[in-house]
N, C-alpha and C. Protein backbone atom coordinates (compact mmCIF):
# COMPACT_ATOMS: atom_id res chain seq x y z
N UNK A 1 0.15 -15.23 -21.26
CA UNK A 1 0.40 -16.28 -20.14
C UNK A 1 0.13 -15.40 -18.87
N UNK A 2 -0.62 -15.89 -17.92
CA UNK A 2 -0.69 -15.33 -16.56
C UNK A 2 0.41 -15.40 -15.66
N UNK A 3 0.46 -14.33 -14.86
CA UNK A 3 1.53 -14.64 -13.87
C UNK A 3 0.87 -14.33 -12.46
N UNK A 4 1.11 -15.19 -11.46
CA UNK A 4 0.53 -15.26 -10.30
C UNK A 4 1.63 -14.46 -9.19
N UNK A 5 1.05 -13.64 -8.45
CA UNK A 5 1.91 -12.80 -7.46
C UNK A 5 1.24 -13.09 -6.22
N UNK A 6 1.73 -13.63 -4.90
CA UNK A 6 1.35 -13.68 -3.75
C UNK A 6 2.09 -12.59 -2.82
N UNK A 7 1.44 -11.75 -2.29
CA UNK A 7 1.99 -10.75 -1.24
C UNK A 7 1.79 -11.02 0.21
N UNK A 8 2.94 -10.82 0.77
CA UNK A 8 2.81 -10.86 2.26
C UNK A 8 2.81 -9.45 2.85
N UNK A 9 1.75 -9.03 3.52
CA UNK A 9 1.72 -7.65 4.10
C UNK A 9 2.76 -7.28 4.99
N UNK A 10 3.51 -6.21 4.45
CA UNK A 10 4.38 -5.71 5.42
C UNK A 10 3.89 -5.50 6.82
N UNK A 11 2.85 -4.60 6.88
CA UNK A 11 2.22 -4.23 8.19
C UNK A 11 0.66 -4.10 7.92
N UNK A 12 -0.20 -4.66 8.77
CA UNK A 12 -1.63 -4.61 8.65
C UNK A 12 -2.20 -3.87 9.64
N UNK A 13 -3.45 -3.46 9.56
CA UNK A 13 -4.10 -2.40 10.26
C UNK A 13 -5.44 -2.93 10.58
N UNK A 14 -6.07 -2.55 11.65
CA UNK A 14 -7.27 -3.11 12.21
C UNK A 14 -8.52 -2.54 11.55
N UNK A 15 -8.59 -1.50 10.90
CA UNK A 15 -9.49 -0.88 10.03
C UNK A 15 -8.88 -0.21 8.58
N UNK A 16 -9.66 -0.18 7.55
CA UNK A 16 -9.46 0.51 6.30
C UNK A 16 -9.06 1.98 6.73
N UNK A 17 -9.90 2.62 7.64
CA UNK A 17 -9.52 3.97 7.88
C UNK A 17 -8.00 4.23 8.40
N UNK A 18 -7.53 3.10 9.32
CA UNK A 18 -6.16 3.35 9.95
C UNK A 18 -5.17 3.02 8.87
N UNK A 19 -5.60 2.07 7.87
CA UNK A 19 -4.45 2.02 6.85
C UNK A 19 -4.29 3.10 5.93
N UNK A 20 -5.56 3.87 5.60
CA UNK A 20 -5.25 5.26 4.95
C UNK A 20 -4.64 6.23 5.72
N UNK A 21 -4.98 6.29 7.09
CA UNK A 21 -4.34 7.32 8.04
C UNK A 21 -2.68 6.99 7.98
N UNK A 22 -2.34 5.75 7.90
CA UNK A 22 -0.81 5.46 7.87
C UNK A 22 -0.24 6.01 6.61
N UNK A 23 -0.95 5.56 5.52
CA UNK A 23 -0.34 6.07 4.17
C UNK A 23 -0.39 7.78 4.22
N UNK A 24 -1.42 8.34 4.66
CA UNK A 24 -1.40 9.85 4.46
C UNK A 24 -0.17 10.28 5.50
N UNK A 25 0.00 9.61 6.76
CA UNK A 25 1.00 10.10 7.58
C UNK A 25 2.53 9.95 6.98
N UNK A 26 2.66 8.81 6.14
CA UNK A 26 3.98 8.76 5.62
C UNK A 26 4.18 9.60 4.44
N UNK A 27 3.17 9.81 3.59
CA UNK A 27 3.39 10.61 2.07
C UNK A 27 2.70 11.83 2.27
N UNK A 28 1.78 12.11 3.52
CA UNK A 28 1.20 13.51 3.33
C UNK A 28 0.10 13.35 2.43
N UNK A 29 -1.10 14.04 2.83
CA UNK A 29 -2.25 14.20 2.06
C UNK A 29 -2.15 14.89 0.77
N UNK A 30 -1.24 15.85 0.67
CA UNK A 30 -1.08 16.63 -0.39
C UNK A 30 -0.29 15.94 -1.54
N UNK A 31 0.40 14.95 -1.15
CA UNK A 31 1.35 14.19 -2.25
C UNK A 31 0.53 13.03 -2.81
N UNK A 32 -0.69 12.78 -2.28
CA UNK A 32 -1.53 11.51 -2.81
C UNK A 32 -1.73 11.70 -4.23
N UNK A 33 -1.83 12.79 -5.01
CA UNK A 33 -2.20 12.68 -6.28
C UNK A 33 -1.12 12.03 -7.23
N UNK A 34 0.00 11.86 -6.82
CA UNK A 34 1.08 11.14 -7.58
C UNK A 34 1.08 9.72 -7.37
N UNK A 35 0.37 9.11 -6.32
CA UNK A 35 0.46 7.81 -6.04
C UNK A 35 -0.89 7.24 -6.30
N UNK A 36 -0.71 5.77 -6.85
CA UNK A 36 -1.97 5.04 -7.04
C UNK A 36 -1.88 3.67 -6.08
N UNK A 37 -2.91 3.60 -5.27
CA UNK A 37 -2.79 2.47 -4.19
C UNK A 37 -4.27 1.86 -4.17
N UNK A 38 -4.17 0.66 -3.51
CA UNK A 38 -5.57 0.07 -3.13
C UNK A 38 -5.36 -0.60 -1.79
N UNK A 39 -6.45 -0.90 -1.04
CA UNK A 39 -6.48 -1.39 0.30
C UNK A 39 -6.84 -2.94 0.06
N UNK A 40 -5.89 -3.86 0.48
CA UNK A 40 -6.20 -5.26 0.32
C UNK A 40 -6.69 -5.74 1.88
N UNK A 41 -7.18 -6.95 2.02
CA UNK A 41 -7.84 -7.37 3.20
C UNK A 41 -7.12 -8.68 3.32
N UNK A 42 -6.38 -9.16 4.59
CA UNK A 42 -6.07 -10.40 4.75
C UNK A 42 -7.30 -11.32 5.16
N UNK A 43 -6.88 -12.48 5.19
CA UNK A 43 -7.91 -13.69 5.51
C UNK A 43 -8.42 -13.42 6.94
N UNK A 44 -7.40 -12.71 7.90
CA UNK A 44 -7.77 -12.40 9.30
C UNK A 44 -8.70 -11.28 9.43
N UNK A 45 -9.04 -10.50 8.18
CA UNK A 45 -9.83 -9.31 8.27
C UNK A 45 -9.08 -8.06 8.55
N UNK A 46 -7.84 -8.07 8.33
CA UNK A 46 -7.03 -6.75 8.55
C UNK A 46 -6.59 -6.27 7.16
N UNK A 47 -6.28 -4.99 7.23
CA UNK A 47 -6.22 -4.18 5.96
C UNK A 47 -4.71 -3.75 5.92
N UNK A 48 -4.25 -3.60 4.54
CA UNK A 48 -2.85 -3.11 4.07
C UNK A 48 -2.97 -2.55 2.75
N UNK A 49 -2.15 -1.53 2.66
CA UNK A 49 -2.20 -0.87 1.24
C UNK A 49 -1.18 -1.53 0.41
N UNK A 50 -1.58 -1.35 -0.90
CA UNK A 50 -0.40 -1.73 -1.93
C UNK A 50 -0.51 -0.75 -2.83
N UNK A 51 0.72 -0.11 -3.15
CA UNK A 51 1.07 0.77 -4.20
C UNK A 51 1.29 0.33 -5.41
N UNK A 52 1.12 0.86 -6.52
CA UNK A 52 1.19 0.24 -7.99
C UNK A 52 2.21 1.35 -8.70
N UNK A 53 3.24 0.94 -9.22
CA UNK A 53 4.11 1.62 -10.19
C UNK A 53 5.14 2.19 -9.70
N UNK A 54 5.92 2.65 -10.71
CA UNK A 54 7.39 3.35 -10.53
C UNK A 54 7.37 4.44 -9.52
N UNK A 55 6.47 5.23 -9.61
CA UNK A 55 6.41 6.35 -8.81
C UNK A 55 6.32 6.02 -7.33
N UNK A 56 5.77 5.01 -7.02
CA UNK A 56 5.77 4.64 -5.68
C UNK A 56 7.16 4.09 -5.15
N UNK A 57 7.85 3.50 -6.09
CA UNK A 57 9.32 2.92 -5.96
C UNK A 57 10.19 4.30 -5.77
N UNK A 58 10.08 5.18 -6.61
CA UNK A 58 10.98 6.25 -6.54
C UNK A 58 10.55 7.29 -5.38
N UNK A 59 9.49 7.02 -4.93
CA UNK A 59 9.04 7.80 -3.55
C UNK A 59 9.64 7.02 -2.25
N UNK A 60 10.20 5.82 -2.60
CA UNK A 60 10.82 4.98 -1.61
C UNK A 60 9.69 4.36 -0.54
N UNK A 61 8.53 4.13 -1.22
CA UNK A 61 7.29 3.67 -0.24
C UNK A 61 7.58 2.19 -0.07
N UNK A 62 8.42 1.47 -0.91
CA UNK A 62 8.55 -0.10 -0.59
C UNK A 62 9.29 -0.23 0.62
N UNK A 63 9.95 0.81 1.33
CA UNK A 63 10.54 0.61 2.51
C UNK A 63 9.29 0.54 3.72
N UNK A 64 8.20 0.87 3.21
CA UNK A 64 7.34 1.22 4.28
C UNK A 64 5.94 -0.07 4.03
N UNK A 65 5.56 0.05 2.67
CA UNK A 65 4.32 -0.58 2.33
C UNK A 65 4.69 -1.57 1.13
N UNK A 66 3.73 -2.40 0.64
CA UNK A 66 3.70 -3.28 -0.33
C UNK A 66 3.77 -2.54 -1.61
N UNK A 67 4.55 -2.59 -2.50
CA UNK A 67 4.58 -2.07 -3.94
C UNK A 67 4.60 -3.14 -4.95
N UNK A 68 3.67 -3.05 -5.97
CA UNK A 68 3.96 -3.81 -7.20
C UNK A 68 4.03 -2.85 -8.30
N UNK A 69 4.91 -3.41 -9.38
CA UNK A 69 5.41 -2.48 -10.52
C UNK A 69 4.46 -2.68 -11.64
């Protein structure tokens, strides 16, 4: 059975590079190896990161970005 999930962006960025910079600023470029995320695009053409998994929740990224488990 398929499950549909609709996300509302916590915060969006004008460019993909800006979204990546926001992620790196929050968790640091050296800590990126422990996290899995992708960049989604809104209908308006703005970008936002979505983190995947329990590690993102344990790192408390859900307070700043979208996280799916």
